[in-house]
Amino acid sequence: VEELLASGKDVILEIDWQGADQVRKQI
């Protein structure tokens, strides 16, 4: 994910609410 974002791409994470909560805490 970090590699794709660094390349300028918009990245979609298709995840549930639990995963969303984890991601918010890191990015």
PDB file of all heavy atoms in Angstrom:
ATOM      1  N   VAL A   1       0.839  -1.208   0.000  1.00  0.00           N
ATOM      2  CA  VAL A   1       0.000   0.000   0.000  1.00  0.00           C
ATOM      3  C   VAL A   1       0.872   1.256   0.000  1.00  0.00           C
ATOM      4  O   VAL A   1       0.633   2.204  -0.765  1.00  0.00           O
ATOM      5  CB  VAL A   1      -0.954   0.008   1.218  1.00  0.00           C
ATOM      6  CG1 VAL A   1      -1.623   1.378   1.376  1.00  0.00           C
ATOM      7  CG2 VAL A   1      -2.011  -1.079   1.070  1.00  0.00           C
ATOM      8  N   GLU A   2       1.885   1.277   0.853  1.00  0.00           N
ATOM      9  CA  GLU A   2       2.757   2.454   0.924  1.00  0.00           C
ATOM     10  C   GLU A   2       3.504   2.676  -0.384  1.00  0.00           C
ATOM     11  O   GLU A   2       3.725   3.821  -0.796  1.00  0.00           O
ATOM     12  CB  GLU A   2       3.730   2.288   2.087  1.00  0.00           C
ATOM     13  CG  GLU A   2       3.051   2.373   3.450  1.00  0.00           C
ATOM     14  CD  GLU A   2       4.005   2.127   4.605  1.00  0.00           C
ATOM     15  OE1 GLU A   2       5.125   1.623   4.345  1.00  0.00           O
ATOM     16  OE2 GLU A   2       3.636   2.433   5.759  1.00  0.00           O
ATOM     17  N   GLU A   3       3.872   1.594  -1.051  1.00  0.00           N
ATOM     18  CA  GLU A   3       4.565   1.687  -2.338  1.00  0.00           C
ATOM     19  C   GLU A   3       3.655   2.300  -3.399  1.00  0.00           C
ATOM     20  O   GLU A   3       4.083   3.175  -4.176  1.00  0.00           O
ATOM     21  CB  GLU A   3       5.005   0.280  -2.763  1.00  0.00           C
ATOM     22  CG  GLU A   3       6.020   0.235  -3.894  1.00  0.00           C
ATOM     23  CD  GLU A   3       6.533  -1.178  -4.135  1.00  0.00           C
ATOM     24  OE1 GLU A   3       5.701  -2.087  -4.347  1.00  0.00           O
ATOM     25  OE2 GLU A   3       7.748  -1.368  -4.098  1.00  0.00           O
ATOM     26  N   LEU A   4       2.400   1.864  -3.441  1.00  0.00           N
ATOM     27  CA  LEU A   4       1.438   2.399  -4.411  1.00  0.00           C
ATOM     28  C   LEU A   4       1.161   3.880  -4.158  1.00  0.00           C
ATOM     29  O   LEU A   4       1.131   4.693  -5.086  1.00  0.00           O
ATOM     30  CB  LEU A   4       0.130   1.603  -4.352  1.00  0.00           C
ATOM     31  CG  LEU A   4       0.159   0.195  -4.932  1.00  0.00           C
ATOM     32  CD1 LEU A   4      -1.136  -0.550  -4.589  1.00  0.00           C
ATOM     33  CD2 LEU A   4       0.333   0.245  -6.457  1.00  0.00           C
ATOM     34  N   LEU A   5       0.971   4.252  -2.894  1.00  0.00           N
ATOM     35  CA  LEU A   5       0.706   5.651  -2.544  1.00  0.00           C
ATOM     36  C   LEU A   5       1.886   6.537  -2.917  1.00  0.00           C
ATOM     37  O   LEU A   5       1.707   7.642  -3.441  1.00  0.00           O
ATOM     38  CB  LEU A   5       0.404   5.779  -1.046  1.00  0.00           C
ATOM     39  CG  LEU A   5      -0.921   5.196  -0.559  1.00  0.00           C
ATOM     40  CD1 LEU A   5      -0.977   5.214   0.964  1.00  0.00           C
ATOM     41  CD2 LEU A   5      -2.104   5.964  -1.144  1.00  0.00           C
ATOM     42  N   ALA A   6       3.098   6.049  -2.669  1.00  0.00           N
ATOM     43  CA  ALA A   6       4.305   6.819  -2.987  1.00  0.00           C
ATOM     44  C   ALA A   6       4.455   7.045  -4.479  1.00  0.00           C
ATOM     45  O   ALA A   6       5.043   8.047  -4.914  1.00  0.00           O
ATOM     46  CB  ALA A   6       5.543   6.102  -2.439  1.00  0.00           C
ATOM     47  N   SER A   7       3.901   6.133  -5.287  1.00  0.00           N
ATOM     48  CA  SER A   7       3.982   6.266  -6.739  1.00  0.00           C
ATOM     49  C   SER A   7       2.961   7.264  -7.286  1.00  0.00           C
ATOM     50  O   SER A   7       2.960   7.563  -8.481  1.00  0.00           O
ATOM     51  CB  SER A   7       3.763   4.903  -7.412  1.00  0.00           C
ATOM     52  OG  SER A   7       2.396   4.514  -7.364  1.00  0.00           O
ATOM     53  N   GLY A   8       2.092   7.795  -6.402  1.00  0.00           N
ATOM     54  CA  GLY A   8       1.092   8.770  -6.826  1.00  0.00           C
ATOM     55  C   GLY A   8      -0.270   8.183  -7.091  1.00  0.00           C
ATOM     56  O   GLY A   8      -1.218   8.902  -7.426  1.00  0.00           O
ATOM     57  N   LYS A   9      -0.417   6.865  -6.939  1.00  0.00           N
ATOM     58  CA  LYS A   9      -1.699   6.204  -7.180  1.00  0.00           C
ATOM     59  C   LYS A   9      -2.642   6.406  -5.997  1.00  0.00           C
ATOM     60  O   LYS A   9      -2.223   6.385  -4.840  1.00  0.00           O
ATOM     61  CB  LYS A   9      -1.499   4.700  -7.393  1.00  0.00           C
ATOM     62  CG  LYS A   9      -0.847   4.320  -8.712  1.00  0.00           C
ATOM     63  CD  LYS A   9      -1.863   4.318  -9.841  1.00  0.00           C
ATOM     64  CE  LYS A   9      -1.277   3.730 -11.121  1.00  0.00           C
ATOM     65  NZ  LYS A   9      -2.245   3.726 -12.219  1.00  0.00           N
ATOM     66  N   ASP A  10      -3.926   6.582  -6.297  1.00  0.00           N
ATOM     67  CA  ASP A  10      -4.946   6.515  -5.257  1.00  0.00           C
ATOM     68  C   ASP A  10      -5.202   5.039  -4.987  1.00  0.00           C
ATOM     69  O   ASP A  10      -5.335   4.244  -5.925  1.00  0.00           O
ATOM     70  CB  ASP A  10      -6.239   7.194  -5.707  1.00  0.00           C
ATOM     71  CG  ASP A  10      -6.099   8.707  -5.784  1.00  0.00           C
ATOM     72  OD1 ASP A  10      -5.156   9.242  -5.172  1.00  0.00           O
ATOM     73  OD2 ASP A  10      -6.924   9.340  -6.463  1.00  0.00           O
ATOM     74  N   VAL A  11      -5.263   4.654  -3.729  1.00  0.00           N
ATOM     75  CA  VAL A  11      -5.391   3.244  -3.361  1.00  0.00           C
ATOM     76  C   VAL A  11      -6.680   3.014  -2.577  1.00  0.00           C
ATOM     77  O   VAL A  11      -6.975   3.752  -1.619  1.00  0.00           O
ATOM     78  CB  VAL A  11      -4.187   2.778  -2.515  1.00  0.00           C
ATOM     79  CG1 VAL A  11      -4.336   1.306  -2.139  1.00  0.00           C
ATOM     80  CG2 VAL A  11      -2.881   3.011  -3.273  1.00  0.00           C
ATOM     81  N   ILE A  12      -7.436   1.995  -2.968  1.00  0.00           N
ATOM     82  CA  ILE A  12      -8.661   1.619  -2.269  1.00  0.00           C
ATOM     83  C   ILE A  12      -8.412   0.371  -1.436  1.00  0.00           C
ATOM     84  O   ILE A  12      -7.897  -0.627  -1.944  1.00  0.00           O
ATOM     85  CB  ILE A  12      -9.806   1.340  -3.265  1.00  0.00           C
ATOM     86  CG1 ILE A  12     -10.220   2.623  -3.977  1.00  0.00           C
ATOM     87  CG2 ILE A  12     -11.012   0.734  -2.543  1.00  0.00           C
ATOM     88  CD1 ILE A  12     -11.225   2.402  -5.091  1.00  0.00           C
ATOM     89  N   LEU A  13      -8.788   0.434  -0.176  1.00  0.00           N
ATOM     90  CA  LEU A  13      -8.798  -0.740   0.675  1.00  0.00           C
ATOM     91  C   LEU A  13     -10.246  -1.180   0.830  1.00  0.00           C
ATOM     92  O   LEU A  13     -11.077  -0.433   1.362  1.00  0.00           O
ATOM     93  CB  LEU A  13      -8.199  -0.434   2.054  1.00  0.00           C
ATOM     94  CG  LEU A  13      -6.749   0.053   2.109  1.00  0.00           C
ATOM     95  CD1 LEU A  13      -6.298   0.177   3.561  1.00  0.00           C
ATOM     96  CD2 LEU A  13      -5.828  -0.892   1.356  1.00  0.00           C
ATOM     97  N   GLU A  14     -10.550  -2.373   0.355  1.00  0.00           N
ATOM     98  CA  GLU A  14     -11.903  -2.923   0.446  1.00  0.00           C
ATOM     99  C   GLU A  14     -11.938  -3.807   1.695  1.00  0.00           C
ATOM    100  O   GLU A  14     -11.682  -5.009   1.635  1.00  0.00           O
ATOM    101  CB  GLU A  14     -12.202  -3.737  -0.818  1.00  0.00           C
ATOM    102  CG  GLU A  14     -13.619  -4.253  -0.925  1.00  0.00           C
ATOM    103  CD  GLU A  14     -13.834  -5.081  -2.181  1.00  0.00           C
ATOM    104  OE1 GLU A  14     -12.935  -5.124  -3.040  1.00  0.00           O
ATOM    105  OE2 GLU A  14     -14.904  -5.699  -2.280  1.00  0.00           O
ATOM    106  N   ILE A  15     -12.249  -3.201   2.839  1.00  0.00           N
ATOM    107  CA  ILE A  15     -12.128  -3.901   4.113  1.00  0.00           C
ATOM    108  C   ILE A  15     -13.352  -3.641   4.995  1.00  0.00           C
ATOM    109  O   ILE A  15     -14.153  -2.754   4.716  1.00  0.00           O
ATOM    110  CB  ILE A  15     -10.854  -3.459   4.861  1.00  0.00           C
ATOM    111  CG1 ILE A  15     -10.809  -1.935   5.009  1.00  0.00           C
ATOM    112  CG2 ILE A  15      -9.606  -3.954   4.134  1.00  0.00           C
ATOM    113  CD1 ILE A  15      -9.576  -1.409   5.743  1.00  0.00           C
ATOM    114  N   ASP A  16     -13.478  -4.424   6.074  1.00  0.00           N
ATOM    115  CA  ASP A  16     -14.606  -4.245   6.974  1.00  0.00           C
ATOM    116  C   ASP A  16     -14.283  -3.172   8.019  1.00  0.00           C
ATOM    117  O   ASP A  16     -13.207  -2.588   8.023  1.00  0.00           O
ATOM    118  CB  ASP A  16     -14.991  -5.576   7.632  1.00  0.00           C
ATOM    119  CG  ASP A  16     -13.945  -6.063   8.634  1.00  0.00           C
ATOM    120  OD1 ASP A  16     -12.882  -5.424   8.762  1.00  0.00           O
ATOM    121  OD2 ASP A  16     -14.204  -7.087   9.289  1.00  0.00           O
ATOM    122  N   TRP A  17     -15.251  -2.916   8.902  1.00  0.00           N
ATOM    123  CA  TRP A  17     -15.088  -1.826   9.872  1.00  0.00           C
ATOM    124  C   TRP A  17     -13.931  -2.076  10.830  1.00  0.00           C
ATOM    125  O   TRP A  17     -13.281  -1.120  11.277  1.00  0.00           O
ATOM    126  CB  TRP A  17     -16.387  -1.613  10.655  1.00  0.00           C
ATOM    127  CG  TRP A  17     -16.692  -2.685  11.647  1.00  0.00           C
ATOM    128  CD1 TRP A  17     -17.422  -3.820  11.443  1.00  0.00           C
ATOM    129  CD2 TRP A  17     -16.258  -2.734  13.011  1.00  0.00           C
ATOM    130  NE1 TRP A  17     -17.475  -4.568  12.590  1.00  0.00           N
ATOM    131  CE2 TRP A  17     -16.772  -3.933  13.569  1.00  0.00           C
ATOM    132  CE3 TRP A  17     -15.484  -1.891  13.820  1.00  0.00           C
ATOM    133  CZ2 TRP A  17     -16.542  -4.298  14.893  1.00  0.00           C
ATOM    134  CZ3 TRP A  17     -15.248  -2.257  15.145  1.00  0.00           C
ATOM    135  CH2 TRP A  17     -15.781  -3.447  15.663  1.00  0.00           C
ATOM    136  N   GLN A  18     -13.659  -3.348  11.136  1.00  0.00           N
ATOM    137  CA  GLN A  18     -12.539  -3.649  12.030  1.00  0.00           C
ATOM    138  C   GLN A  18     -11.214  -3.238  11.389  1.00  0.00           C
ATOM    139  O   GLN A  18     -10.368  -2.608  12.020  1.00  0.00           O
ATOM    140  CB  GLN A  18     -12.495  -5.143  12.330  1.00  0.00           C
ATOM    141  CG  GLN A  18     -13.724  -5.700  13.020  1.00  0.00           C
ATOM    142  CD  GLN A  18     -13.647  -7.216  13.139  1.00  0.00           C
ATOM    143  OE1 GLN A  18     -12.939  -7.734  14.001  1.00  0.00           O
ATOM    144  NE2 GLN A  18     -14.343  -7.929  12.289  1.00  0.00           N
ATOM    145  N   GLY A  19     -11.061  -3.617  10.108  1.00  0.00           N
ATOM    146  CA  GLY A  19      -9.858  -3.248   9.377  1.00  0.00           C
ATOM    147  C   GLY A  19      -9.737  -1.753   9.217  1.00  0.00           C
ATOM    148  O   GLY A  19      -8.644  -1.182   9.332  1.00  0.00           O
ATOM    149  N   ALA A  20     -10.872  -1.099   8.959  1.00  0.00           N
ATOM    150  CA  ALA A  20     -10.878   0.356   8.803  1.00  0.00           C
ATOM    151  C   ALA A  20     -10.361   1.035  10.068  1.00  0.00           C
ATOM    152  O   ALA A  20      -9.585   1.993  10.009  1.00  0.00           O
ATOM    153  CB  ALA A  20     -12.288   0.845   8.480  1.00  0.00           C
ATOM    154  N   ASP A  21     -10.788   0.529  11.219  1.00  0.00           N
ATOM    155  CA  ASP A  21     -10.355   1.100  12.504  1.00  0.00           C
ATOM    156  C   ASP A  21      -8.849   0.931  12.687  1.00  0.00           C
ATOM    157  O   ASP A  21      -8.162   1.856  13.146  1.00  0.00           O
ATOM    158  CB  ASP A  21     -11.109   0.406  13.640  1.00  0.00           C
ATOM    159  CG  ASP A  21     -10.850   1.069  14.978  1.00  0.00           C
ATOM    160  OD1 ASP A  21     -11.010   2.302  15.077  1.00  0.00           O
ATOM    161  OD2 ASP A  21     -10.474   0.364  15.933  1.00  0.00           O
ATOM    162  N   GLN A  22      -8.313  -0.215  12.292  1.00  0.00           N
ATOM    163  CA  GLN A  22      -6.879  -0.454  12.402  1.00  0.00           C
ATOM    164  C   GLN A  22      -6.085   0.486  11.496  1.00  0.00           C
ATOM    165  O   GLN A  22      -5.052   1.028  11.893  1.00  0.00           O
ATOM    166  CB  GLN A  22      -6.559  -1.904  12.029  1.00  0.00           C
ATOM    167  CG  GLN A  22      -7.068  -2.940  13.020  1.00  0.00           C
ATOM    168  CD  GLN A  22      -6.765  -4.354  12.563  1.00  0.00           C
ATOM    169  OE1 GLN A  22      -5.630  -4.687  12.255  1.00  0.00           O
ATOM    170  NE2 GLN A  22      -7.786  -5.189  12.505  1.00  0.00           N
ATOM    171  N   VAL A  23      -6.580   0.674  10.267  1.00  0.00           N
ATOM    172  CA  VAL A  23      -5.874   1.518   9.302  1.00  0.00           C
ATOM    173  C   VAL A  23      -5.850   2.974   9.762  1.00  0.00           C
ATOM    174  O   VAL A  23      -4.832   3.660   9.655  1.00  0.00           O
ATOM    175  CB  VAL A  23      -6.507   1.407   7.902  1.00  0.00           C
ATOM    176  CG1 VAL A  23      -5.900   2.438   6.947  1.00  0.00           C
ATOM    177  CG2 VAL A  23      -6.313   0.004   7.345  1.00  0.00           C
ATOM    178  N   ARG A  24      -6.983   3.466  10.286  1.00  0.00           N
ATOM    179  CA  ARG A  24      -7.052   4.855  10.742  1.00  0.00           C
ATOM    180  C   ARG A  24      -5.996   5.159  11.800  1.00  0.00           C
ATOM    181  O   ARG A  24      -5.489   6.276  11.886  1.00  0.00           O
ATOM    182  CB  ARG A  24      -8.441   5.155  11.312  1.00  0.00           C
ATOM    183  CG  ARG A  24      -9.542   5.238  10.275  1.00  0.00           C
ATOM    184  CD  ARG A  24     -10.814   5.794  10.892  1.00  0.00           C
ATOM    185  NE  ARG A  24     -11.967   5.545  10.042  1.00  0.00           N
ATOM    186  CZ  ARG A  24     -12.806   4.535  10.224  1.00  0.00           C
ATOM    187  NH1 ARG A  24     -12.628   3.694  11.222  1.00  0.00           N
ATOM    188  NH2 ARG A  24     -13.829   4.361   9.412  1.00  0.00           N
ATOM    189  N   LYS A  25      -5.677   4.166  12.614  1.00  0.00           N
ATOM    190  CA  LYS A  25      -4.698   4.368  13.680  1.00  0.00           C
ATOM    191  C   LYS A  25      -3.273   4.433  13.143  1.00  0.00           C
ATOM    192  O   LYS A  25      -2.374   4.918  13.827  1.00  0.00           O
ATOM    193  CB  LYS A  25      -4.821   3.241  14.706  1.00  0.00           C
ATOM    194  CG  LYS A  25      -6.130   3.277  15.486  1.00  0.00           C
ATOM    195  CD  LYS A  25      -6.271   2.049  16.376  1.00  0.00           C
ATOM    196  CE  LYS A  25      -7.605   2.084  17.123  1.00  0.00           C
ATOM    197  NZ  LYS A  25      -7.813   0.846  17.932  1.00  0.00           N
ATOM    198  N   GLN A  26      -3.061   3.949  11.921  1.00  0.00           N
ATOM    199  CA  GLN A  26      -1.710   3.914  11.359  1.00  0.00           C
ATOM    200  C   GLN A  26      -1.485   4.940  10.251  1.00  0.00           C
ATOM    201  O   GLN A  26      -0.374   5.435  10.076  1.00  0.00           O
ATOM    202  CB  GLN A  26      -1.421   2.510  10.804  1.00  0.00           C
ATOM    203  CG  GLN A  26      -1.435   1.428  11.871  1.00  0.00           C
ATOM    204  CD  GLN A  26      -0.935   0.105  11.336  1.00  0.00           C
ATOM    205  OE1 GLN A  26       0.227  -0.025  10.971  1.00  0.00           O
ATOM    206  NE2 GLN A  26      -1.818  -0.868  11.255  1.00  0.00           N
ATOM    207  N   ILE A  27      -2.534   5.236   9.482  1.00  0.00           N
ATOM    208  CA  ILE A  27      -2.414   6.218   8.403  1.00  0.00           C
ATOM    209  C   ILE A  27      -3.504   7.267   8.586  1.00  0.00           C
ATOM    210  O   ILE A  27      -4.691   6.983   8.384  1.00  0.00           O
ATOM    211  CB  ILE A  27      -2.539   5.547   7.017  1.00  0.00           C
ATOM    212  CG1 ILE A  27      -1.429   4.496   6.833  1.00  0.00           C
ATOM    213  CG2 ILE A  27      -2.477   6.595   5.906  1.00  0.00           C
ATOM    214  CD1 ILE A  27      -1.469   3.783   5.495  1.00  0.00           C
TER     215      ILE A  27
END
